Amino acid sequence: MCHILRISESGYYRWLKTKDKQTKQELLLVEIKSVLDEHEDNDNYGVPRMQIALEERGIKYSKSTIRRAMRAGGYLHKRRKPKGITKATTEIQEKENLIKRDFTSDKPMTKLLTDISEIRCMDGKLYISPILDCCNGEIVALEMRENMKKDLCIDTVAQLSKKYGDLKGIILHSDRGSQYTSDAFRAELKRNGIIQSLSGTGHCYDNARMESFFATIKKEKLYRLPTYKMTREEVKTEIFRYVFIYYNRIRICTSNPGGLSPEKYRKKIESMKQQKKAA
């Protein structure tokens, strides 16, 4: 039979011995599926986040092995690029751009980013205004309205003030939209002791990390929903759940040490600070 099938006798018996056993890739795929089943939005995980999630379970594989397994299981997704991002120019308005594309911070609530993005819904456009903490990537405030007037941005800052209290000395960076350069918005910042930082005109990369968040929420949640068939209130609910239940608390964030979610990393920093004071 081996002669007819043109295979070696040793190869046939090796196959016979292992044919009922699961391969390493099959076992890895079981674990990958288990990670994806933990939360409905985990199916957005690429190779880096999946590697961290598996390591949290004590399972260690190289990225290339995980990539092969995810490809075999049909779990790899094509990259989607958000629309509306323009190329940066070389002119930079240095005076009012305080962060100068340095989106890092070693302490929570010291350097924040904000912007506005729109979503098409069945009953019109929905505008979302989040504030992101550069330290851990956490969304610390979020307002959603049917228009993008200055009150949307003012109320986002007011929400931040209500939630965190003293905001004196915090830097808040945004683009130069009319909402952020209005007298009313600047008065709200001044009232809270917030220092304003502004991107250069037409320089989207001056607020790249905020743009990255919008790309993430659209790719992982909004592009996968028929938002144009949903009401604004329905879309608001989906965004709220994604941001405050999944993104902040659960989602692996590769920019944080150990892939910790924004909330877990913030709590770790706070714990280390308390231990240092007690020592």
Protein backbone atom coordinates (compact mmCIF):
# COMPACT_ATOMS: atom_id res chain seq x y z
CA MET A 1 0.00 0.00 0.00
CA CYS A 2 2.88 2.35 0.85
CA HIS A 3 4.35 1.66 -2.59
CA ILE A 4 1.03 2.45 -4.31
CA LEU A 5 0.59 5.68 -2.30
CA ARG A 6 4.26 6.59 -2.88
CA ILE A 7 5.02 7.16 0.82
CA SER A 8 7.66 5.63 3.05
CA GLU A 9 6.73 2.88 5.48
CA SER A 10 8.15 4.86 8.42
CA GLY A 11 6.15 7.92 7.39
CA TYR A 12 2.95 5.87 7.27
CA TYR A 13 3.44 4.44 10.77
CA ARG A 14 4.38 7.89 12.11
CA TRP A 15 1.10 9.26 10.71
CA LEU A 16 -0.82 6.30 12.10
CA LYS A 17 0.62 6.91 15.55
CA THR A 18 -0.25 10.62 15.72
CA LYS A 19 -3.39 10.90 13.56
CA ASP A 20 -5.75 10.98 16.57
CA LYS A 21 -3.68 13.48 18.55
CA GLN A 22 -4.27 17.21 18.35
CA THR A 23 -1.39 19.17 16.85
CA LYS A 24 0.22 22.03 18.76
CA GLN A 25 -1.43 24.45 16.39
CA GLU A 26 -4.85 22.94 17.08
CA LEU A 27 -4.28 23.20 20.83
CA LEU A 28 -3.11 26.80 20.42
CA LEU A 29 -6.22 27.60 18.38
CA VAL A 30 -8.37 26.30 21.25
CA GLU A 31 -6.68 28.77 23.61
CA ILE A 32 -6.94 31.60 21.07
CA LYS A 33 -10.66 30.97 20.66
CA SER A 34 -11.03 30.95 24.45
CA VAL A 35 -9.42 34.40 24.62
CA LEU A 36 -11.69 35.70 21.86
CA ASP A 37 -14.77 34.30 23.60
CA GLU A 38 -14.00 36.18 26.84
CA HIS A 39 -15.51 39.38 25.39
CA GLU A 40 -17.30 40.14 22.15
CA ASP A 41 -14.81 42.88 21.26
CA ASN A 42 -11.75 40.66 21.80
CA ASP A 43 -12.16 39.43 18.25
CA ASN A 44 -10.35 42.61 17.23
CA TYR A 45 -7.13 41.32 18.82
CA GLY A 46 -4.16 41.11 16.51
CA VAL A 47 -1.01 39.10 17.14
CA PRO A 48 0.66 41.40 19.76
CA ARG A 49 -2.43 41.59 21.99
CA MET A 50 -3.15 37.90 21.56
CA GLN A 51 0.42 37.07 22.64
CA ILE A 52 -0.05 39.14 25.83
CA ALA A 53 -3.46 37.56 26.52
CA LEU A 54 -1.98 34.06 26.17
CA GLU A 55 0.98 34.93 28.40
CA GLU A 56 -1.48 36.04 31.08
CA ARG A 57 -2.72 32.43 30.98
CA GLY A 58 0.81 31.07 31.25
CA ILE A 59 0.94 30.10 27.56
CA LYS A 60 4.04 31.31 25.73
CA TYR A 61 4.46 31.24 21.96
CA SER A 62 6.37 33.42 19.53
CA LYS A 63 4.48 35.99 17.48
CA SER A 64 5.19 34.06 14.28
CA THR A 65 3.63 30.89 15.74
CA ILE A 66 0.57 32.79 16.95
CA ARG A 67 0.26 34.53 13.58
CA ARG A 68 0.30 31.18 11.75
CA ALA A 69 -2.32 29.74 14.09
CA MET A 70 -4.57 32.81 13.84
CA ARG A 71 -4.25 32.77 10.05
CA ALA A 72 -5.16 29.08 9.97
CA GLY A 73 -8.18 29.75 12.18
CA GLY A 74 -9.30 32.75 10.14
CA TYR A 75 -8.75 35.16 13.05
CA LEU A 76 -6.45 37.65 11.32
CA HIS A 77 -8.08 40.84 10.06
CA LYS A 78 -7.03 43.18 7.30
CA ARG A 79 -5.91 46.60 8.47
CA ARG A 80 -8.41 49.39 7.96
CA LYS A 81 -7.18 52.93 7.63
CA PRO A 82 -9.45 55.70 8.93
CA LYS A 83 -10.53 58.28 6.40
CA GLY A 84 -9.91 61.97 6.72
CA ILE A 85 -6.31 61.91 7.95
CA THR A 86 -4.15 64.44 6.12
CA LYS A 87 -0.41 64.64 5.80
CA ALA A 88 1.50 66.90 8.14
CA THR A 89 3.47 69.85 6.81
CA THR A 90 6.79 71.13 8.08
CA GLU A 91 5.45 74.37 9.60
CA ILE A 92 4.81 74.11 13.33
CA GLN A 93 3.28 76.81 15.47
CA GLU A 94 5.68 76.35 18.35
CA LYS A 95 4.35 78.91 20.79
CA GLU A 96 0.98 77.29 21.59
CA ASN A 97 1.93 73.66 20.94
CA LEU A 98 3.18 72.66 24.38
CA ILE A 99 3.37 68.88 23.99
CA LYS A 100 5.14 68.89 20.57
CA ARG A 101 4.00 65.35 19.70
CA ASP A 102 5.27 63.90 22.98
CA PHE A 103 2.25 61.82 23.97
CA THR A 104 3.89 60.19 27.00
CA SER A 105 3.41 60.96 30.68
CA ASP A 106 4.54 59.15 33.82
CA LYS A 107 1.66 60.42 35.97
CA PRO A 108 -2.11 60.22 35.43
CA MET A 109 -4.04 63.44 34.84
CA THR A 110 -1.09 65.62 33.83
CA LYS A 111 -1.27 65.59 30.01
CA LEU A 112 -4.60 65.12 28.24
CA LEU A 113 -5.75 65.05 24.60
CA THR A 114 -9.13 65.82 23.05
CA ASP A 115 -10.82 66.08 19.66
CA ILE A 116 -14.18 65.56 17.94
CA SER A 117 -15.24 62.80 15.57
CA GLU A 118 -18.52 62.25 13.74
CA ILE A 119 -20.59 59.12 13.13
CA ARG A 120 -23.41 58.76 10.61
CA CYS A 121 -26.61 57.46 12.19
CA MET A 122 -30.12 56.77 10.92
CA ASP A 123 -31.47 60.04 12.34
CA GLY A 124 -28.45 62.22 11.54
CA LYS A 125 -24.85 62.67 12.60
CA LEU A 126 -23.57 61.98 16.11
CA TYR A 127 -20.50 63.85 17.37
CA ILE A 128 -18.30 62.37 20.09
CA SER A 129 -15.91 64.40 22.25
CA PRO A 130 -13.57 62.27 24.40
CA ILE A 131 -10.63 63.29 26.60
CA LEU A 132 -7.70 60.84 26.72
CA ASP A 133 -5.03 60.59 29.42
CA CYS A 134 -1.54 60.28 27.87
CA CYS A 135 -0.25 58.34 30.89
CA ASN A 136 -2.30 55.19 30.43
CA GLY A 137 -4.53 55.80 27.40
CA GLU A 138 -7.68 55.97 29.52
CA ILE A 139 -10.73 57.90 28.31
CA VAL A 140 -11.41 60.10 31.33
CA ALA A 141 -14.40 62.04 29.94
CA LEU A 142 -16.78 61.64 27.02
CA GLU A 143 -19.69 63.74 25.73
CA MET A 144 -21.88 62.93 22.71
CA ARG A 145 -24.24 65.34 20.93
CA GLU A 146 -26.10 65.83 17.65
CA ASN A 147 -24.00 68.92 16.86
CA MET A 148 -20.36 69.96 17.20
CA LYS A 149 -20.86 73.42 18.68
CA LYS A 150 -18.52 74.75 21.35
CA ASP A 151 -20.88 73.62 24.13
CA LEU A 152 -19.99 70.01 23.33
CA CYS A 153 -16.33 70.65 24.18
CA ILE A 154 -17.10 72.92 27.14
CA ASP A 155 -19.36 70.27 28.69
CA THR A 156 -16.67 67.62 28.16
CA VAL A 157 -14.28 69.69 30.29
CA ALA A 158 -17.06 70.33 32.82
CA GLN A 159 -17.61 66.57 33.07
CA LEU A 160 -13.89 66.12 33.71
CA SER A 161 -14.00 68.76 36.46
CA LYS A 162 -17.00 67.13 38.11
CA LYS A 163 -15.33 63.72 38.04
CA TYR A 164 -11.78 64.63 39.13
CA GLY A 165 -12.13 67.94 41.00
CA ASP A 166 -8.93 70.00 40.98
CA LEU A 167 -7.54 70.23 37.44
CA LYS A 168 -5.04 73.03 38.06
CA GLY A 169 -1.84 72.69 36.01
CA ILE A 170 -3.13 69.96 33.71
CA ILE A 171 -2.27 70.36 30.00
CA LEU A 172 -5.15 69.78 27.56
CA HIS A 173 -4.12 69.48 23.91
CA SER A 174 -6.43 69.78 20.90
CA ASP A 175 -6.48 70.97 17.31
CA ARG A 176 -7.31 74.56 16.36
CA GLY A 177 -10.99 74.02 15.66
CA SER A 178 -13.25 76.99 16.33
CA GLN A 179 -14.69 75.19 19.36
CA TYR A 180 -11.30 75.04 21.08
CA THR A 181 -10.24 78.58 20.18
CA SER A 182 -13.55 80.16 21.24
CA ASP A 183 -13.59 82.59 24.15
CA ALA A 184 -16.16 80.45 25.98
CA PHE A 185 -14.02 77.30 25.82
CA ARG A 186 -10.89 79.13 26.90
CA ALA A 187 -12.82 80.68 29.78
CA GLU A 188 -13.82 77.16 30.92
CA LEU A 189 -10.18 76.07 30.84
CA LYS A 190 -9.11 79.15 32.77
CA ARG A 191 -11.83 78.59 35.38
CA ASN A 192 -10.44 75.10 36.01
CA GLY A 193 -6.77 76.12 35.89
CA ILE A 194 -6.15 74.00 32.78
CA ILE A 195 -3.27 74.93 30.47
CA GLN A 196 -4.20 74.87 26.78
CA SER A 197 -2.00 73.36 24.08
CA LEU A 198 -2.89 73.59 20.38
CA SER A 199 -1.79 71.71 17.27
CA GLY A 200 -0.36 73.56 14.30
CA THR A 201 -2.90 74.44 11.61
CA GLY A 202 -3.55 71.41 9.43
CA HIS A 203 -1.06 69.26 11.39
CA CYS A 204 -3.07 66.14 12.24
CA TYR A 205 0.02 64.37 13.58
CA ASP A 206 0.28 66.96 16.34
CA ASN A 207 -2.64 65.08 17.92
CA ALA A 208 -1.83 61.64 16.54
CA ARG A 209 -2.60 59.65 19.68
CA MET A 210 -6.12 61.05 19.82
CA GLU A 211 -6.54 60.24 16.13
CA SER A 212 -5.31 56.73 16.93
CA PHE A 213 -8.09 56.29 19.50
CA PHE A 214 -10.71 57.31 16.95
CA ALA A 215 -9.21 54.85 14.46
CA THR A 216 -9.39 52.10 17.09
CA ILE A 217 -13.01 52.66 18.13
CA LYS A 218 -14.12 52.91 14.51
CA LYS A 219 -12.21 49.81 13.38
CA GLU A 220 -13.06 47.66 16.38
CA LYS A 221 -16.67 48.73 16.98
CA LEU A 222 -18.32 51.36 14.77
CA TYR A 223 -17.28 50.05 11.35
CA ARG A 224 -18.70 46.68 12.37
CA LEU A 225 -22.11 48.10 13.20
CA PRO A 226 -24.70 49.35 10.70
CA THR A 227 -24.70 52.73 12.47
CA TYR A 228 -26.53 54.27 9.52
CA LYS A 229 -29.45 51.96 10.42
CA MET A 230 -29.27 52.84 14.13
CA THR A 231 -30.56 55.85 16.03
CA ARG A 232 -28.17 58.21 17.77
CA GLU A 233 -29.28 56.89 21.15
CA GLU A 234 -28.55 53.30 20.11
CA VAL A 235 -25.09 54.27 18.86
CA LYS A 236 -24.44 56.25 22.06
CA THR A 237 -25.16 53.11 24.08
CA GLU A 238 -22.72 51.04 22.00
CA ILE A 239 -19.99 53.68 22.34
CA PHE A 240 -20.51 54.03 26.09
CA ARG A 241 -20.28 50.27 26.60
CA TYR A 242 -17.19 49.96 24.41
CA VAL A 243 -15.31 52.85 26.07
CA PHE A 244 -16.18 52.53 29.74
CA ILE A 245 -16.77 48.79 30.07
CA TYR A 246 -14.35 47.32 27.53
CA TYR A 247 -11.70 49.81 26.35
CA ASN A 248 -10.84 51.31 29.74
CA ARG A 249 -11.22 48.18 31.87
CA ILE A 250 -10.59 45.06 29.79
CA ARG A 251 -8.89 45.69 26.44
CA ILE A 252 -5.18 44.91 26.34
CA CYS A 253 -3.23 48.11 25.66
CA THR A 254 0.15 47.37 24.11
CA SER A 255 1.46 50.86 24.93
CA ASN A 256 1.14 50.10 28.66
CA PRO A 257 3.66 47.85 30.50
CA GLY A 258 2.58 44.22 30.33
CA GLY A 259 -0.32 45.15 28.07
CA LEU A 260 -2.36 46.30 31.07
CA SER A 261 -5.70 47.92 30.33
CA PRO A 262 -5.80 51.68 31.03
CA GLU A 263 -7.68 51.28 34.31
CA LYS A 264 -5.46 48.44 35.58
CA TYR A 265 -2.31 50.43 34.77
CA ARG A 266 -3.66 53.52 36.54
CA LYS A 267 -4.45 51.45 39.65
CA LYS A 268 -0.97 49.95 39.52
CA ILE A 269 0.59 53.43 39.45
CA GLU A 270 -1.61 54.55 42.34
CA SER A 271 -0.68 51.44 44.34
CA MET A 272 3.05 52.00 43.75
CA LYS A 273 2.64 55.61 44.84
CA GLN A 274 0.95 54.57 48.09
CA GLN A 275 3.63 51.97 48.80
CA LYS A 276 6.33 54.58 48.25
CA LYS A 277 4.63 56.94 50.72
CA ALA A 278 4.29 54.18 53.31
CA ALA A 279 7.98 53.19 53.01
